[in-house]
Amino acid sequence: MGTPYDLRARVRLDSQMFDSDGGGVPGYDHNFCVNGTAGTLRPCASVWETSVGRYMHIETTQPGVQVYTANFLDGSLFGKTGSRYVKHAGVCFETQNYPDAINQPSFPKSLLRPGEKYNERTVYTFGWDS
């Protein structure tokens, strides 16, 4: 514990992400290892929006999750209600294999050969804390 990359305990992302390097700018653009056995559905990440208590819990069979905090949005894109998408206005959790897995024998297999089946699962649960 003690680095901006230690997200095992509930923390405010905006209080830590400016101490991390997300592709040359402050923010996250990093792959994190998911605890447990790849291929089994297990908890991956949880996020809370504290002003109204919304949360999202993520479970996956994948070995990793890429966390990205919109480090390169510049305000030139607009949402459905006219909201401007600016730097760090959102966060993505992309469940996946580890980057460079194809070249790392110790990483989980990432090559799918003809006739093989790809079967991974990610579950997103949304709700409100009362």
C-alpha atoms as a PDB file:
ATOM      1  CA  MET A   1       0.000   0.000   0.000  1.00  0.00           C
ATOM      2  CA  GLY A   2       1.010   3.601  -0.289  1.00  0.00           C
ATOM      3  CA  THR A   3       1.267   4.158  -4.070  1.00  0.00           C
ATOM      4  CA  PRO A   4      -1.336   5.638  -6.431  1.00  0.00           C
ATOM      5  CA  TYR A   5      -1.586   2.186  -8.016  1.00  0.00           C
ATOM      6  CA  ASP A   6      -2.781   0.452  -4.858  1.00  0.00           C
ATOM      7  CA  LEU A   7      -6.545   0.400  -5.301  1.00  0.00           C
ATOM      8  CA  ARG A   8      -7.312  -2.523  -2.970  1.00  0.00           C
ATOM      9  CA  ALA A   9      -9.060  -0.269  -0.434  1.00  0.00           C
ATOM     10  CA  ARG A  10     -11.797   2.262  -1.174  1.00  0.00           C
ATOM     11  CA  VAL A  11     -10.099   5.507  -2.253  1.00  0.00           C
ATOM     12  CA  ARG A  12     -11.080   8.600  -4.197  1.00  0.00           C
ATOM     13  CA  LEU A  13      -9.604   8.156  -7.663  1.00  0.00           C
ATOM     14  CA  ASP A  14      -9.285  11.895  -8.147  1.00  0.00           C
ATOM     15  CA  SER A  15      -7.108  12.143  -5.055  1.00  0.00           C
ATOM     16  CA  GLN A  16      -4.634   9.537  -6.341  1.00  0.00           C
ATOM     17  CA  MET A  17      -4.702   9.602 -10.130  1.00  0.00           C
ATOM     18  CA  PHE A  18      -2.753  12.847 -10.409  1.00  0.00           C
ATOM     19  CA  ASP A  19       0.214  11.070  -8.840  1.00  0.00           C
ATOM     20  CA  SER A  20       0.123   8.340 -11.501  1.00  0.00           C
ATOM     21  CA  ASP A  21       1.256   8.426 -15.128  1.00  0.00           C
ATOM     22  CA  GLY A  22      -1.410   7.450 -17.655  1.00  0.00           C
ATOM     23  CA  GLY A  23       0.491   7.524 -20.910  1.00  0.00           C
ATOM     24  CA  GLY A  24       2.565  10.616 -20.232  1.00  0.00           C
ATOM     25  CA  VAL A  25      -0.155  12.616 -18.477  1.00  0.00           C
ATOM     26  CA  PRO A  26      -1.611  12.349 -14.971  1.00  0.00           C
ATOM     27  CA  GLY A  27      -4.292   9.697 -14.660  1.00  0.00           C
ATOM     28  CA  TYR A  28      -4.750   5.969 -15.006  1.00  0.00           C
ATOM     29  CA  ASP A  29      -4.231   3.972 -18.164  1.00  0.00           C
ATOM     30  CA  HIS A  30      -2.970   0.784 -16.560  1.00  0.00           C
ATOM     31  CA  ASN A  31      -3.742  -2.902 -16.460  1.00  0.00           C
ATOM     32  CA  PHE A  32      -4.308  -4.363 -13.012  1.00  0.00           C
ATOM     33  CA  CYS A  33      -4.171  -8.079 -12.176  1.00  0.00           C
ATOM     34  CA  VAL A  34      -7.439  -9.497 -10.854  1.00  0.00           C
ATOM     35  CA  ASN A  35      -7.008 -11.655  -7.741  1.00  0.00           C
ATOM     36  CA  GLY A  36      -8.065 -15.279  -7.996  1.00  0.00           C
ATOM     37  CA  THR A  37      -8.003 -17.898 -10.700  1.00  0.00           C
ATOM     38  CA  ALA A  38      -8.434 -16.662 -14.269  1.00  0.00           C
ATOM     39  CA  GLY A  39     -11.375 -18.397 -15.912  1.00  0.00           C
ATOM     40  CA  THR A  40     -13.509 -18.283 -12.752  1.00  0.00           C
ATOM     41  CA  LEU A  41     -15.987 -15.465 -12.149  1.00  0.00           C
ATOM     42  CA  ARG A  42     -14.661 -13.349  -9.279  1.00  0.00           C
ATOM     43  CA  PRO A  43     -14.780  -9.750  -8.034  1.00  0.00           C
ATOM     44  CA  CYS A  44     -12.722  -7.380 -10.148  1.00  0.00           C
ATOM     45  CA  ALA A  45     -13.548  -3.780  -9.203  1.00  0.00           C
ATOM     46  CA  SER A  46     -16.117  -1.594  -7.493  1.00  0.00           C
ATOM     47  CA  VAL A  47     -16.745   2.128  -7.845  1.00  0.00           C
ATOM     48  CA  TRP A  48     -19.018   4.452  -5.900  1.00  0.00           C
ATOM     49  CA  GLU A  49     -20.415   7.868  -6.749  1.00  0.00           C
ATOM     50  CA  THR A  50     -20.692   9.324  -3.278  1.00  0.00           C
ATOM     51  CA  SER A  51     -23.106  12.239  -3.780  1.00  0.00           C
ATOM     52  CA  VAL A  52     -26.119   9.978  -4.411  1.00  0.00           C
ATOM     53  CA  GLY A  53     -24.700   6.580  -3.469  1.00  0.00           C
ATOM     54  CA  ARG A  54     -24.635   4.942  -6.894  1.00  0.00           C
ATOM     55  CA  TYR A  55     -22.246   2.027  -7.293  1.00  0.00           C
ATOM     56  CA  MET A  56     -21.021  -0.415  -9.883  1.00  0.00           C
ATOM     57  CA  HIS A  57     -19.498  -3.790  -9.019  1.00  0.00           C
ATOM     58  CA  ILE A  58     -17.614  -5.739 -11.666  1.00  0.00           C
ATOM     59  CA  GLU A  59     -16.921  -9.481 -11.739  1.00  0.00           C
ATOM     60  CA  THR A  60     -14.966 -11.187 -14.502  1.00  0.00           C
ATOM     61  CA  THR A  61     -13.316 -14.391 -15.624  1.00  0.00           C
ATOM     62  CA  GLN A  62     -10.523 -12.373 -17.248  1.00  0.00           C
ATOM     63  CA  PRO A  63      -7.067 -12.131 -15.609  1.00  0.00           C
ATOM     64  CA  GLY A  64      -6.809  -8.342 -15.848  1.00  0.00           C
ATOM     65  CA  VAL A  65      -8.669  -5.053 -15.973  1.00  0.00           C
ATOM     66  CA  GLN A  66      -7.508  -1.923 -17.774  1.00  0.00           C
ATOM     67  CA  VAL A  67      -8.409   1.216 -15.812  1.00  0.00           C
ATOM     68  CA  TYR A  68      -8.548   4.392 -17.890  1.00  0.00           C
ATOM     69  CA  THR A  69      -9.497   7.842 -16.583  1.00  0.00           C
ATOM     70  CA  ALA A  70     -10.129   9.749 -19.831  1.00  0.00           C
ATOM     71  CA  ASN A  71      -6.681  11.314 -19.801  1.00  0.00           C
ATOM     72  CA  PHE A  72      -6.848  12.615 -23.370  1.00  0.00           C
ATOM     73  CA  LEU A  73     -10.367  14.023 -23.651  1.00  0.00           C
ATOM     74  CA  ASP A  74     -10.108  17.707 -24.537  1.00  0.00           C
ATOM     75  CA  GLY A  75     -13.692  18.969 -24.328  1.00  0.00           C
ATOM     76  CA  SER A  76     -14.332  18.750 -28.086  1.00  0.00           C
ATOM     77  CA  LEU A  77     -16.824  15.844 -27.680  1.00  0.00           C
ATOM     78  CA  PHE A  78     -20.332  16.227 -26.286  1.00  0.00           C
ATOM     79  CA  GLY A  79     -22.682  13.773 -24.572  1.00  0.00           C
ATOM     80  CA  LYS A  80     -26.380  13.154 -25.184  1.00  0.00           C
ATOM     81  CA  THR A  81     -27.457  16.096 -23.021  1.00  0.00           C
ATOM     82  CA  GLY A  82     -24.823  18.480 -24.348  1.00  0.00           C
ATOM     83  CA  SER A  83     -22.371  17.738 -21.543  1.00  0.00           C
ATOM     84  CA  ARG A  84     -18.796  18.374 -22.592  1.00  0.00           C
ATOM     85  CA  TYR A  85     -16.442  15.411 -22.252  1.00  0.00           C
ATOM     86  CA  VAL A  86     -13.338  16.841 -20.601  1.00  0.00           C
ATOM     87  CA  LYS A  87     -10.137  15.326 -19.270  1.00  0.00           C
ATOM     88  CA  HIS A  88     -10.765  12.952 -16.341  1.00  0.00           C
ATOM     89  CA  ALA A  89     -14.559  13.270 -16.687  1.00  0.00           C
ATOM     90  CA  GLY A  90     -15.031   9.503 -16.561  1.00  0.00           C
ATOM     91  CA  VAL A  91     -13.451   6.168 -15.822  1.00  0.00           C
ATOM     92  CA  CYS A  92     -13.444   2.926 -17.842  1.00  0.00           C
ATOM     93  CA  PHE A  93     -12.918  -0.602 -16.570  1.00  0.00           C
ATOM     94  CA  GLU A  94     -12.018  -2.888 -19.483  1.00  0.00           C
ATOM     95  CA  THR A  95     -11.674  -6.537 -18.491  1.00  0.00           C
ATOM     96  CA  GLN A  96      -9.079  -8.294 -20.621  1.00  0.00           C
ATOM     97  CA  ASN A  97      -5.965 -10.399 -20.758  1.00  0.00           C
ATOM     98  CA  TYR A  98      -2.656  -8.829 -19.814  1.00  0.00           C
ATOM     99  CA  PRO A  99      -1.043  -6.519 -22.377  1.00  0.00           C
ATOM    100  CA  ASP A 100       1.812  -8.222 -24.206  1.00  0.00           C
ATOM    101  CA  ALA A 101       0.498 -11.654 -23.130  1.00  0.00           C
ATOM    102  CA  ILE A 102       1.263 -13.018 -26.593  1.00  0.00           C
ATOM    103  CA  ASN A 103       4.994 -12.484 -25.929  1.00  0.00           C
ATOM    104  CA  GLN A 104       5.128 -13.532 -22.285  1.00  0.00           C
ATOM    105  CA  PRO A 105       5.095 -17.322 -21.703  1.00  0.00           C
ATOM    106  CA  SER A 106       4.258 -16.863 -18.003  1.00  0.00           C
ATOM    107  CA  PHE A 107       1.101 -14.813 -18.777  1.00  0.00           C
ATOM    108  CA  PRO A 108      -2.288 -16.416 -19.446  1.00  0.00           C
ATOM    109  CA  LYS A 109      -2.725 -17.665 -23.002  1.00  0.00           C
ATOM    110  CA  SER A 110      -4.015 -15.011 -25.397  1.00  0.00           C
ATOM    111  CA  LEU A 111      -3.854 -16.668 -28.809  1.00  0.00           C
ATOM    112  CA  LEU A 112      -7.061 -18.195 -30.166  1.00  0.00           C
ATOM    113  CA  ARG A 113      -6.448 -20.835 -32.814  1.00  0.00           C
ATOM    114  CA  PRO A 114      -8.948 -21.924 -35.498  1.00  0.00           C
ATOM    115  CA  GLY A 115     -11.614 -24.164 -34.000  1.00  0.00           C
ATOM    116  CA  GLU A 116     -10.991 -22.996 -30.411  1.00  0.00           C
ATOM    117  CA  LYS A 117     -13.714 -21.184 -28.520  1.00  0.00           C
ATOM    118  CA  TYR A 118     -13.305 -17.923 -26.661  1.00  0.00           C
ATOM    119  CA  ASN A 119     -15.491 -17.860 -23.585  1.00  0.00           C
ATOM    120  CA  GLU A 120     -15.034 -15.070 -21.034  1.00  0.00           C
ATOM    121  CA  ARG A 121     -17.634 -13.382 -18.903  1.00  0.00           C
ATOM    122  CA  THR A 122     -17.942  -9.965 -17.269  1.00  0.00           C
ATOM    123  CA  VAL A 123     -20.863  -9.004 -15.012  1.00  0.00           C
ATOM    124  CA  TYR A 124     -21.667  -5.382 -14.159  1.00  0.00           C
ATOM    125  CA  THR A 125     -24.000  -4.839 -11.195  1.00  0.00           C
ATOM    126  CA  PHE A 126     -25.430  -1.371 -10.581  1.00  0.00           C
ATOM    127  CA  GLY A 127     -27.257  -0.097  -7.526  1.00  0.00           C
ATOM    128  CA  TRP A 128     -27.589   2.499  -4.782  1.00  0.00           C
ATOM    129  CA  ASP A 129     -26.369   2.528  -1.215  1.00  0.00           C
ATOM    130  CA  SER A 130     -29.215   3.608   1.042  1.00  0.00           C
END
